[in-house]
């Protein structure tokens, strides 16, 4: 049947389409290495107080949604990396995860990673002791200069202003 015939209303019988079978996405570790490393300090900070708040997860997903680093990743990749990092923190510990992060990231991306971590720590407007401790250890492990850390903290604090 021609296209014009279908437009005039003479429809051909429609064959049923089999329902789509959900396929688990496959995430390539090599492709995810740098984006995962940028997330690691934020996930560590998020877990520093012993639980992961819904607002923290939402903030981290929003940060990633607007970052070119995560723009071309497949759907579900960010959630996969966050879950994977939380498991790694439990099984391997923070020192090993952050050490691996420092080995993977450039200086600029170390700064970006610390920005993400600081932003997450401030999601509720208050820095608790464990978050401060985690941020201090992260900055040290990423070998960030004190002046750069202070600059990042000031900018994130400016973003939290309400008046």
N, C-alpha and C. Protein backbone atom coordinates (compact mmCIF):
# COMPACT_ATOMS: atom_id res chain seq x y z
N UNK A 1 0.85 -1.17 0.00
CA UNK A 1 0.00 0.00 0.00
C UNK A 1 0.89 1.23 0.00
N UNK A 2 0.53 2.20 -0.83
CA UNK A 2 1.34 3.40 -0.95
C UNK A 2 1.06 4.37 0.19
N UNK A 3 1.96 5.29 0.33
CA UNK A 3 1.83 6.32 1.37
C UNK A 3 0.54 7.12 1.17
N UNK A 4 0.23 7.47 -0.08
CA UNK A 4 -0.97 8.28 -0.35
C UNK A 4 -2.23 7.50 -0.02
N UNK A 5 -2.24 6.20 -0.27
CA UNK A 5 -3.41 5.38 0.07
C UNK A 5 -3.63 5.38 1.56
N UNK A 6 -2.58 5.28 2.32
CA UNK A 6 -2.72 5.29 3.78
C UNK A 6 -3.26 6.63 4.26
N UNK A 7 -2.84 7.72 3.61
CA UNK A 7 -3.33 9.04 4.00
C UNK A 7 -4.82 9.18 3.71
N UNK A 8 -5.30 8.55 2.64
CA UNK A 8 -6.72 8.63 2.28
C UNK A 8 -7.59 7.76 3.16
N UNK A 9 -6.98 6.91 3.98
CA UNK A 9 -7.77 6.12 4.91
C UNK A 9 -7.79 4.64 4.64
N UNK A 10 -7.25 4.16 3.56
CA UNK A 10 -7.21 2.73 3.30
C UNK A 10 -6.02 2.17 4.06
N UNK A 11 -6.28 1.70 5.27
CA UNK A 11 -5.19 1.24 6.13
C UNK A 11 -4.90 -0.23 5.90
N UNK A 12 -3.64 -0.56 5.89
CA UNK A 12 -3.21 -1.95 5.81
C UNK A 12 -3.29 -2.55 7.20
N UNK A 13 -3.46 -3.84 7.27
CA UNK A 13 -3.50 -4.46 8.60
C UNK A 13 -2.18 -4.21 9.35
N UNK A 14 -2.31 -3.94 10.63
CA UNK A 14 -1.14 -3.65 11.47
C UNK A 14 -0.70 -4.94 12.14
N UNK A 15 0.57 -5.25 11.98
CA UNK A 15 1.11 -6.44 12.62
C UNK A 15 1.48 -6.09 14.06
N UNK A 16 1.16 -6.99 14.97
CA UNK A 16 1.50 -6.71 16.37
C UNK A 16 3.02 -6.67 16.56
N UNK A 17 3.43 -5.78 17.43
CA UNK A 17 4.85 -5.62 17.73
C UNK A 17 5.10 -6.28 19.08
N UNK A 18 6.13 -7.07 19.13
CA UNK A 18 6.48 -7.73 20.39
C UNK A 18 6.92 -6.69 21.40
N UNK A 19 6.51 -6.85 22.65
CA UNK A 19 6.95 -5.87 23.66
C UNK A 19 8.45 -5.91 23.83
N UNK A 20 8.99 -4.73 24.09
CA UNK A 20 10.44 -4.61 24.28
C UNK A 20 10.86 -5.33 25.55
N UNK A 21 11.93 -6.04 25.46
CA UNK A 21 12.49 -6.73 26.62
C UNK A 21 13.54 -5.81 27.23
N UNK A 22 13.38 -5.45 28.51
CA UNK A 22 14.38 -4.57 29.11
C UNK A 22 15.76 -5.23 29.09
N UNK A 23 16.74 -4.45 28.72
CA UNK A 23 18.11 -4.93 28.66
C UNK A 23 18.92 -4.15 29.68
N UNK A 24 19.64 -4.87 30.52
CA UNK A 24 20.52 -4.21 31.48
C UNK A 24 21.65 -3.52 30.72
N UNK A 25 21.88 -2.23 30.97
CA UNK A 25 22.96 -1.55 30.27
C UNK A 25 24.32 -2.09 30.71
N UNK A 26 25.24 -2.08 29.79
CA UNK A 26 26.61 -2.49 30.09
C UNK A 26 27.45 -1.22 30.19
N UNK A 27 28.12 -1.08 31.31
CA UNK A 27 28.92 0.12 31.53
C UNK A 27 30.40 -0.23 31.41
N UNK A 28 31.07 0.42 30.49
CA UNK A 28 32.49 0.18 30.23
C UNK A 28 33.33 0.91 31.29
N UNK A 29 34.08 0.14 32.07
CA UNK A 29 34.88 0.72 33.16
C UNK A 29 35.89 1.75 32.65
N UNK A 30 36.45 1.52 31.47
CA UNK A 30 37.43 2.47 30.92
C UNK A 30 36.78 3.81 30.60
N UNK A 31 35.57 3.77 30.07
CA UNK A 31 34.84 5.00 29.73
C UNK A 31 34.42 5.74 31.00
N UNK A 32 34.10 4.98 32.04
CA UNK A 32 33.60 5.58 33.28
C UNK A 32 34.70 5.96 34.27
N UNK A 33 35.95 5.64 33.99
CA UNK A 33 37.02 5.84 34.97
C UNK A 33 37.13 7.28 35.46
N UNK A 34 37.20 8.24 34.55
CA UNK A 34 37.35 9.64 34.95
C UNK A 34 36.05 10.19 35.56
N UNK A 35 34.89 10.01 34.93
CA UNK A 35 33.67 10.49 35.59
C UNK A 35 33.45 9.87 36.97
N UNK A 36 33.78 8.61 37.11
CA UNK A 36 33.64 7.92 38.40
C UNK A 36 34.60 8.54 39.43
N UNK A 37 35.81 8.82 39.02
CA UNK A 37 36.80 9.41 39.92
C UNK A 37 36.36 10.81 40.38
N UNK A 38 35.73 11.57 39.49
CA UNK A 38 35.23 12.90 39.88
C UNK A 38 34.12 12.75 40.92
N UNK A 39 33.31 11.71 40.80
CA UNK A 39 32.21 11.49 41.74
C UNK A 39 32.68 10.99 43.11
N UNK A 40 33.81 10.29 43.14
CA UNK A 40 34.24 9.62 44.37
C UNK A 40 34.30 10.53 45.60
N UNK A 41 34.93 11.70 45.54
CA UNK A 41 34.96 12.56 46.73
C UNK A 41 33.56 13.01 47.17
N UNK A 42 32.69 13.26 46.22
CA UNK A 42 31.32 13.66 46.56
C UNK A 42 30.58 12.53 47.26
N UNK A 43 30.73 11.32 46.73
CA UNK A 43 30.07 10.17 47.34
C UNK A 43 30.63 9.91 48.74
N UNK A 44 31.93 10.05 48.90
CA UNK A 44 32.55 9.89 50.21
C UNK A 44 31.98 10.92 51.19
N UNK A 45 31.87 12.16 50.76
CA UNK A 45 31.33 13.22 51.61
C UNK A 45 29.87 12.94 51.94
N UNK A 46 29.14 12.47 50.95
CA UNK A 46 27.72 12.17 51.12
C UNK A 46 27.54 11.08 52.18
N UNK A 47 28.44 10.12 52.20
CA UNK A 47 28.33 8.98 53.13
C UNK A 47 29.03 9.24 54.46
N UNK A 48 29.68 10.38 54.61
CA UNK A 48 30.51 10.65 55.80
C UNK A 48 29.71 10.64 57.10
N UNK A 49 28.45 11.04 57.04
CA UNK A 49 27.66 11.09 58.27
C UNK A 49 26.91 9.78 58.53
N UNK A 50 27.20 8.76 57.74
CA UNK A 50 26.61 7.45 58.00
C UNK A 50 25.36 7.12 57.23
N UNK A 51 24.79 8.09 56.54
CA UNK A 51 23.62 7.80 55.71
C UNK A 51 23.61 8.74 54.51
N UNK A 52 22.89 8.32 53.47
CA UNK A 52 22.78 9.11 52.26
C UNK A 52 21.38 9.71 52.20
N UNK A 53 21.32 11.02 52.28
CA UNK A 53 20.03 11.71 52.26
C UNK A 53 19.52 11.86 50.83
N UNK A 54 18.22 11.88 50.71
CA UNK A 54 17.58 12.04 49.40
C UNK A 54 18.02 13.35 48.72
N UNK A 55 18.13 14.41 49.50
CA UNK A 55 18.54 15.70 48.95
C UNK A 55 19.97 15.64 48.42
N UNK A 56 20.82 14.86 49.07
CA UNK A 56 22.20 14.71 48.60
C UNK A 56 22.24 13.97 47.27
N UNK A 57 21.46 12.90 47.16
CA UNK A 57 21.40 12.15 45.90
C UNK A 57 20.87 13.04 44.78
N UNK A 58 19.84 13.80 45.07
CA UNK A 58 19.26 14.69 44.06
C UNK A 58 20.27 15.74 43.62
N UNK A 59 21.00 16.32 44.58
CA UNK A 59 22.00 17.33 44.25
C UNK A 59 23.09 16.74 43.37
N UNK A 60 23.58 15.57 43.73
CA UNK A 60 24.66 14.95 42.96
C UNK A 60 24.19 14.63 41.54
N UNK A 61 22.98 14.13 41.41
CA UNK A 61 22.46 13.84 40.08
C UNK A 61 22.27 15.12 39.27
N UNK A 62 21.86 16.20 39.92
CA UNK A 62 21.72 17.49 39.22
C UNK A 62 23.08 18.03 38.79
N UNK A 63 24.08 17.92 39.65
CA UNK A 63 25.42 18.38 39.28
C UNK A 63 25.89 17.64 38.03
N UNK A 64 25.66 16.35 38.01
CA UNK A 64 26.09 15.53 36.86
C UNK A 64 25.27 15.85 35.61
N UNK A 65 24.00 16.12 35.79
CA UNK A 65 23.12 16.39 34.65
C UNK A 65 23.56 17.61 33.86
N UNK A 66 24.20 18.56 34.53
CA UNK A 66 24.61 19.79 33.87
C UNK A 66 26.11 19.85 33.60
N UNK A 67 26.79 18.73 33.74
CA UNK A 67 28.23 18.69 33.51
C UNK A 67 28.54 18.02 32.18
N UNK A 68 29.40 18.63 31.37
CA UNK A 68 29.77 18.00 30.09
C UNK A 68 30.49 16.66 30.29
N UNK A 69 31.06 16.45 31.45
CA UNK A 69 31.75 15.20 31.75
C UNK A 69 30.80 14.00 31.72
N UNK A 70 29.53 14.24 32.03
CA UNK A 70 28.54 13.16 32.12
C UNK A 70 27.53 13.17 30.98
N UNK A 71 27.63 14.15 30.09
CA UNK A 71 26.62 14.35 29.05
C UNK A 71 26.48 13.18 28.09
N UNK A 72 27.55 12.50 27.77
CA UNK A 72 27.49 11.44 26.76
C UNK A 72 27.43 10.04 27.35
N UNK A 73 27.28 9.96 28.65
CA UNK A 73 27.21 8.64 29.28
C UNK A 73 25.82 8.05 29.08
N UNK A 74 25.72 6.74 29.03
CA UNK A 74 24.41 6.11 28.85
C UNK A 74 23.50 6.34 30.05
N UNK A 75 22.20 6.25 29.82
CA UNK A 75 21.23 6.39 30.90
C UNK A 75 21.56 5.41 32.01
N UNK A 76 21.46 5.88 33.22
CA UNK A 76 21.71 5.03 34.37
C UNK A 76 23.16 4.95 34.80
N UNK A 77 24.07 5.53 34.02
CA UNK A 77 25.49 5.42 34.34
C UNK A 77 25.83 6.13 35.65
N UNK A 78 25.27 7.31 35.88
CA UNK A 78 25.58 8.06 37.10
C UNK A 78 25.10 7.28 38.33
N UNK A 79 23.88 6.79 38.27
CA UNK A 79 23.35 6.02 39.39
C UNK A 79 24.19 4.76 39.61
N UNK A 80 24.61 4.13 38.53
CA UNK A 80 25.47 2.94 38.62
C UNK A 80 26.79 3.29 39.32
N UNK A 81 27.41 4.39 38.92
CA UNK A 81 28.69 4.78 39.52
C UNK A 81 28.53 5.12 41.00
N UNK A 82 27.45 5.82 41.35
CA UNK A 82 27.22 6.18 42.75
C UNK A 82 27.08 4.91 43.59
N UNK A 83 26.25 3.98 43.12
CA UNK A 83 26.06 2.72 43.85
C UNK A 83 27.36 1.93 43.96
N UNK A 84 28.12 1.90 42.87
CA UNK A 84 29.40 1.19 42.85
C UNK A 84 30.38 1.83 43.84
N UNK A 85 30.41 3.16 43.86
CA UNK A 85 31.31 3.86 44.79
C UNK A 85 30.91 3.63 46.24
N UNK A 86 29.62 3.62 46.53
CA UNK A 86 29.17 3.36 47.90
C UNK A 86 29.61 1.95 48.33
N UNK A 87 29.49 0.99 47.43
CA UNK A 87 29.95 -0.38 47.73
C UNK A 87 31.46 -0.41 47.94
N UNK A 88 32.20 0.29 47.07
CA UNK A 88 33.67 0.33 47.20
C UNK A 88 34.09 0.97 48.53
N UNK A 89 33.39 2.01 48.94
CA UNK A 89 33.72 2.65 50.21
C UNK A 89 33.53 1.68 51.37
N UNK A 90 32.48 0.87 51.30
CA UNK A 90 32.23 -0.12 52.35
C UNK A 90 33.30 -1.22 52.34
N UNK A 91 33.60 -1.71 51.15
CA UNK A 91 34.49 -2.87 51.06
C UNK A 91 35.98 -2.52 51.09
N UNK A 92 36.36 -1.41 50.48
CA UNK A 92 37.79 -1.07 50.36
C UNK A 92 38.21 0.06 51.28
N UNK A 93 37.28 0.89 51.68
CA UNK A 93 37.60 2.01 52.55
C UNK A 93 37.88 3.29 51.78
N UNK A 94 37.69 4.40 52.48
CA UNK A 94 37.82 5.72 51.88
C UNK A 94 39.23 6.01 51.38
N UNK A 95 40.25 5.61 52.14
CA UNK A 95 41.63 5.90 51.74
C UNK A 95 41.97 5.31 50.38
N UNK A 96 41.57 4.08 50.18
CA UNK A 96 41.89 3.42 48.91
C UNK A 96 41.10 4.05 47.75
N UNK A 97 39.83 4.35 47.98
CA UNK A 97 39.00 4.93 46.91
C UNK A 97 39.52 6.31 46.53
N UNK A 98 39.83 7.14 47.51
CA UNK A 98 40.32 8.49 47.21
C UNK A 98 41.72 8.44 46.63
N UNK A 99 42.54 7.51 47.09
CA UNK A 99 43.87 7.34 46.51
C UNK A 99 43.79 7.00 45.03
N UNK A 100 42.89 6.12 44.68
CA UNK A 100 42.69 5.76 43.27
C UNK A 100 42.19 6.97 42.48
N UNK A 101 41.34 7.77 43.10
CA UNK A 101 40.82 8.98 42.47
C UNK A 101 41.96 9.93 42.13
N UNK A 102 42.84 10.15 43.08
CA UNK A 102 43.96 11.07 42.87
C UNK A 102 44.86 10.60 41.73
N UNK A 103 44.97 9.29 41.56
CA UNK A 103 45.81 8.75 40.49
C UNK A 103 45.20 8.95 39.11
N UNK A 104 43.89 9.06 39.04
CA UNK A 104 43.18 9.12 37.75
C UNK A 104 42.99 10.55 37.24
N UNK A 105 42.79 11.50 38.16
CA UNK A 105 42.36 12.84 37.77
C UNK A 105 43.51 13.81 37.51
N UNK A 106 43.27 14.72 36.56
CA UNK A 106 44.17 15.85 36.34
C UNK A 106 43.98 16.86 37.47
N UNK A 107 44.86 17.84 37.56
CA UNK A 107 44.73 18.89 38.58
C UNK A 107 43.37 19.58 38.47
N UNK A 108 42.97 19.96 37.27
CA UNK A 108 41.69 20.64 37.09
C UNK A 108 40.51 19.78 37.56
N UNK A 109 40.55 18.49 37.22
CA UNK A 109 39.44 17.63 37.62
C UNK A 109 39.48 17.30 39.11
N UNK A 110 40.64 17.37 39.73
CA UNK A 110 40.71 17.25 41.20
C UNK A 110 39.95 18.42 41.83
N UNK A 111 40.13 19.60 41.27
CA UNK A 111 39.40 20.78 41.76
C UNK A 111 37.90 20.61 41.56
N UNK A 112 37.52 20.11 40.38
CA UNK A 112 36.10 19.88 40.10
C UNK A 112 35.52 18.87 41.08
N UNK A 113 36.26 17.79 41.32
CA UNK A 113 35.80 16.76 42.25
C UNK A 113 35.61 17.33 43.65
N UNK A 114 36.53 18.20 44.08
CA UNK A 114 36.39 18.81 45.39
C UNK A 114 35.19 19.76 45.43
N UNK A 115 34.95 20.47 44.34
CA UNK A 115 33.76 21.34 44.25
C UNK A 115 32.48 20.53 44.44
N UNK A 116 32.39 19.39 43.76
CA UNK A 116 31.22 18.53 43.91
C UNK A 116 31.06 18.09 45.37
N UNK A 117 32.17 17.68 45.98
CA UNK A 117 32.11 17.22 47.36
C UNK A 117 31.67 18.35 48.30
N UNK A 118 32.23 19.53 48.11
CA UNK A 118 31.87 20.67 48.95
C UNK A 118 30.41 21.06 48.75
N UNK A 119 29.95 21.03 47.53
CA UNK A 119 28.55 21.39 47.23
C UNK A 119 27.61 20.40 47.90
N UNK A 120 27.96 19.13 47.86
CA UNK A 120 27.12 18.12 48.52
C UNK A 120 27.12 18.28 50.03
N UNK A 121 28.27 18.60 50.59
CA UNK A 121 28.35 18.78 52.03
C UNK A 121 27.46 19.94 52.49
N UNK A 122 27.28 20.91 51.63
CA UNK A 122 26.49 22.10 51.98
C UNK A 122 25.03 22.02 51.55
N UNK A 123 24.60 20.86 51.07
CA UNK A 123 23.23 20.75 50.56
C UNK A 123 22.19 21.12 51.62
N UNK A 124 22.49 20.82 52.88
CA UNK A 124 21.56 21.17 53.96
C UNK A 124 21.92 22.48 54.65
N UNK A 125 22.97 23.15 54.16
CA UNK A 125 23.37 24.44 54.70
C UNK A 125 24.24 24.36 55.94
N UNK A 126 24.56 23.14 56.39
CA UNK A 126 25.35 22.97 57.61
C UNK A 126 26.45 21.94 57.35
N UNK A 127 27.67 22.28 57.77
CA UNK A 127 28.77 21.33 57.70
C UNK A 127 28.93 20.67 59.06
N UNK A 128 28.68 19.39 59.13
CA UNK A 128 28.88 18.67 60.39
C UNK A 128 30.34 18.23 60.48
N UNK A 129 30.75 17.83 61.67
CA UNK A 129 32.16 17.48 61.91
C UNK A 129 32.66 16.42 60.93
N UNK A 130 31.91 15.36 60.72
CA UNK A 130 32.36 14.29 59.84
C UNK A 130 32.53 14.77 58.40
N UNK A 131 31.66 15.67 57.96
CA UNK A 131 31.80 16.22 56.61
C UNK A 131 33.06 17.08 56.51
N UNK A 132 33.30 17.91 57.53
CA UNK A 132 34.52 18.73 57.55
C UNK A 132 35.76 17.85 57.50
N UNK A 133 35.74 16.80 58.30
CA UNK A 133 36.87 15.88 58.34
C UNK A 133 37.07 15.21 56.99
N UNK A 134 36.00 14.75 56.37
CA UNK A 134 36.09 14.11 55.05
C UNK A 134 36.62 15.08 54.01
N UNK A 135 36.11 16.32 54.01
CA UNK A 135 36.57 17.32 53.04
C UNK A 135 38.05 17.64 53.23
N UNK A 136 38.47 17.74 54.47
CA UNK A 136 39.89 18.02 54.75
C UNK A 136 40.78 16.89 54.22
N UNK A 137 40.37 15.65 54.48
CA UNK A 137 41.15 14.50 54.01
C UNK A 137 41.15 14.41 52.48
N UNK A 138 40.01 14.72 51.87
CA UNK A 138 39.92 14.69 50.41
C UNK A 138 40.86 15.73 49.80
N UNK A 139 40.81 16.95 50.33
CA UNK A 139 41.68 18.02 49.81
C UNK A 139 43.15 17.63 49.93
N UNK A 140 43.50 17.01 51.05
CA UNK A 140 44.88 16.59 51.26
C UNK A 140 45.27 15.49 50.28
N UNK A 141 44.42 14.48 50.11
CA UNK A 141 44.73 13.36 49.22
C UNK A 141 44.79 13.79 47.76
N UNK A 142 43.99 14.80 47.40
CA UNK A 142 44.01 15.31 46.03
C UNK A 142 45.12 16.34 45.83
N UNK A 143 45.87 16.61 46.89
CA UNK A 143 46.99 17.56 46.86
C UNK A 143 46.57 18.94 46.37
N UNK A 144 45.41 19.38 46.85
CA UNK A 144 44.93 20.72 46.48
C UNK A 144 45.59 21.76 47.37
N UNK A 145 46.07 22.84 46.78
CA UNK A 145 46.67 23.91 47.59
C UNK A 145 45.61 24.55 48.49
N UNK A 146 46.03 24.96 49.68
CA UNK A 146 45.11 25.58 50.64
C UNK A 146 44.35 26.76 50.04
N UNK A 147 45.05 27.58 49.26
CA UNK A 147 44.40 28.75 48.65
C UNK A 147 43.26 28.33 47.72
N UNK A 148 43.44 27.25 46.98
CA UNK A 148 42.41 26.77 46.06
C UNK A 148 41.23 26.20 46.86
N UNK A 149 41.52 25.47 47.92
CA UNK A 149 40.46 24.91 48.77
C UNK A 149 39.64 26.05 49.37
N UNK A 150 40.33 27.08 49.89
CA UNK A 150 39.63 28.24 50.46
C UNK A 150 38.76 28.92 49.42
N UNK A 151 39.26 29.05 48.20
CA UNK A 151 38.50 29.67 47.12
C UNK A 151 37.24 28.87 46.81
N UNK A 152 37.36 27.57 46.73
CA UNK A 152 36.21 26.71 46.45
C UNK A 152 35.18 26.82 47.57
N UNK A 153 35.64 26.78 48.81
CA UNK A 153 34.73 26.90 49.95
C UNK A 153 33.98 28.22 49.92
N UNK A 154 34.70 29.31 49.60
CA UNK A 154 34.05 30.62 49.53
C UNK A 154 32.97 30.66 48.45
N UNK A 155 33.26 30.10 47.29
CA UNK A 155 32.29 30.12 46.20
C UNK A 155 31.06 29.29 46.54
N UNK A 156 31.25 28.11 47.11
CA UNK A 156 30.13 27.26 47.48
C UNK A 156 29.31 27.94 48.57
N UNK A 157 29.97 28.60 49.51
CA UNK A 157 29.25 29.34 50.55
C UNK A 157 28.42 30.47 49.92
N UNK A 158 28.96 31.14 48.92
CA UNK A 158 28.20 32.19 48.22
C UNK A 158 26.94 31.62 47.58
N UNK A 159 27.05 30.41 47.06
CA UNK A 159 25.90 29.77 46.40
C UNK A 159 24.81 29.43 47.41
N UNK A 160 25.15 29.34 48.69
CA UNK A 160 24.19 28.96 49.73
C UNK A 160 23.49 30.16 50.35
N UNK A 161 23.86 31.35 49.96
CA UNK A 161 23.27 32.54 50.59
C UNK A 161 21.77 32.62 50.33
N UNK A 162 21.08 33.06 51.36
CA UNK A 162 19.63 33.24 51.24
C UNK A 162 19.24 34.70 51.40
N UNK A 163 20.19 35.53 51.63
CA UNK A 163 19.85 36.93 51.81
C UNK A 163 21.04 37.81 51.86
